[in-house]
Amino acid sequence: MEFPSPDELEILLNLAGPDRIGFIYDVGHAQTLDHLGFYPHEEWLKRFSSRIVGTHLHDVIGITDHLASGLGEVDFDMIAPYLPEDAFRTCEFQTFNTPEQVKASLKFLVEHGCIKSL
């Protein structure tokens, strides 16, 4: 795989302290791996939320990702409490999302606690 399993990520993160190494949590990767039966989405958050330095926020239907948030199956209410306050947020949307969907997505992310304000 092009990204580590949770156990492999733990090994990598243990190579240095949290002030030296972290990871970027990608909502779409976690959701897709869960959908395919590999690892529960929330496992990444439960085990490693303290090491999240940034996140890629977007929605997923099945294994199709990079949808504007709020258009798919991701449980953003589950995700929000795990995101560290100082972790950067990147909205990773494909170009098939309309400007209206992107605007609605930002409002959705604020309403669900994944970003603080616009």
Protein backbone atom coordinates (compact mmCIF):
# COMPACT_ATOMS: atom_id res chain seq x y z
CA MET A 1 0.00 0.00 0.00
CA GLU A 2 1.11 3.55 -0.53
CA PHE A 3 0.38 4.46 3.09
CA PRO A 4 1.12 2.55 6.29
CA SER A 5 -1.27 0.41 8.30
CA PRO A 6 -2.11 1.69 11.79
CA ASP A 7 0.54 -0.61 13.31
CA GLU A 8 3.14 0.58 10.79
CA LEU A 9 2.21 4.19 11.49
CA GLU A 10 2.75 3.56 15.19
CA ILE A 11 6.26 2.26 14.46
CA LEU A 12 7.03 5.30 12.33
CA LEU A 13 5.67 7.77 14.87
CA ASN A 14 7.67 6.11 17.64
CA LEU A 15 10.92 6.89 15.81
CA ALA A 16 10.80 10.38 17.31
CA GLY A 17 8.82 12.39 19.82
CA PRO A 18 5.67 14.33 19.00
CA ASP A 19 7.66 17.56 18.74
CA ARG A 20 9.64 16.00 15.86
CA ILE A 21 7.23 13.86 13.86
CA GLY A 22 3.50 13.74 13.21
CA PHE A 23 1.21 12.81 10.37
CA ILE A 24 -1.45 14.23 8.10
CA TYR A 25 -4.78 12.54 8.68
CA ASP A 26 -6.67 12.10 5.41
CA VAL A 27 -10.42 11.64 5.93
CA GLY A 28 -10.84 10.03 2.51
CA HIS A 29 -8.10 7.45 2.99
CA ALA A 30 -9.42 6.47 6.43
CA GLN A 31 -13.00 6.26 5.16
CA THR A 32 -12.07 4.25 2.05
CA LEU A 33 -9.93 1.79 4.01
CA ASP A 34 -12.85 1.30 6.40
CA HIS A 35 -15.28 0.80 3.50
CA LEU A 36 -12.96 -1.83 1.98
CA GLY A 37 -12.77 -3.67 5.31
CA PHE A 38 -9.13 -2.97 6.17
CA TYR A 39 -9.22 -0.74 9.27
CA PRO A 40 -12.02 1.06 11.11
CA HIS A 41 -11.96 4.77 10.29
CA GLU A 42 -12.02 5.81 13.94
CA GLU A 43 -8.99 3.63 14.78
CA TRP A 44 -6.67 6.19 13.18
CA LEU A 45 -8.18 8.92 15.33
CA LYS A 46 -8.31 6.98 18.59
CA ARG A 47 -4.72 5.85 18.32
CA PHE A 48 -3.02 8.84 16.75
CA SER A 49 -5.05 12.04 17.19
CA SER A 50 -2.35 13.54 19.39
CA ARG A 51 0.11 13.22 16.49
CA ILE A 52 -2.08 14.84 13.82
CA VAL A 53 -0.34 17.92 12.42
CA GLY A 54 -2.81 18.48 9.59
CA THR A 55 -5.82 17.00 7.89
CA HIS A 56 -7.30 16.65 4.43
CA LEU A 57 -11.04 17.22 4.75
CA HIS A 58 -13.39 15.93 2.07
CA ASP A 59 -16.26 13.50 1.72
CA VAL A 60 -16.54 9.99 0.31
CA ILE A 61 -19.23 7.79 -1.20
CA GLY A 62 -18.08 4.18 -1.35
CA ILE A 63 -14.52 4.55 -2.59
CA THR A 64 -15.12 7.77 -4.52
CA ASP A 65 -13.50 10.58 -2.56
CA HIS A 66 -12.71 14.28 -2.80
CA LEU A 67 -16.38 15.24 -2.68
CA ALA A 68 -17.31 18.47 -0.97
CA SER A 69 -17.92 17.75 2.71
CA GLY A 70 -21.55 16.99 3.45
CA LEU A 71 -22.19 15.22 0.14
CA GLY A 72 -21.15 11.75 1.21
CA GLU A 73 -20.95 9.18 3.97
CA VAL A 74 -18.24 10.55 6.28
CA ASP A 75 -19.27 11.11 9.90
CA PHE A 76 -17.72 14.51 10.53
CA ASP A 77 -19.33 14.69 13.98
CA MET A 78 -17.22 11.66 14.94
CA ILE A 79 -14.07 13.23 13.50
CA ALA A 80 -14.27 16.77 14.92
CA PRO A 81 -13.47 16.02 18.59
CA TYR A 82 -10.25 14.25 17.60
CA LEU A 83 -8.78 17.07 15.52
CA PRO A 84 -6.10 19.00 17.43
CA GLU A 85 -6.77 22.71 17.67
CA ASP A 86 -3.44 23.60 16.05
CA ALA A 87 -3.57 21.08 13.19
CA PHE A 88 -3.92 22.72 9.79
CA ARG A 89 -7.00 21.97 7.71
CA THR A 90 -6.96 21.48 3.95
CA CYS A 91 -10.14 21.02 1.95
CA GLU A 92 -9.22 18.53 -0.74
CA PHE A 93 -12.04 18.74 -3.29
CA GLN A 94 -12.03 17.59 -6.93
CA THR A 95 -12.93 20.03 -9.68
CA PHE A 96 -16.28 18.31 -10.26
CA ASN A 97 -17.57 20.02 -7.10
CA THR A 98 -19.43 23.22 -7.96
CA PRO A 99 -18.60 26.55 -6.32
CA GLU A 100 -21.95 26.32 -4.50
CA GLN A 101 -21.05 22.86 -3.16
CA VAL A 102 -17.68 24.15 -1.96
CA LYS A 103 -19.32 27.09 -0.17
CA ALA A 104 -21.90 24.78 1.42
CA SER A 105 -19.09 22.40 2.40
CA LEU A 106 -17.21 25.08 4.32
CA LYS A 107 -20.38 26.01 6.19
CA PHE A 108 -21.00 22.30 6.87
CA LEU A 109 -17.48 21.87 8.29
CA VAL A 110 -17.99 24.83 10.64
CA GLU A 111 -21.39 23.48 11.75
CA HIS A 112 -19.86 20.06 12.48
CA GLY A 113 -16.86 21.43 14.38
CA CYS A 114 -14.11 20.49 11.94
CA ILE A 115 -13.13 24.10 11.27
CA LYS A 116 -13.71 27.02 13.62
CA SER A 117 -14.90 29.77 11.29
CA LEU A 118 -14.80 31.01 7.75
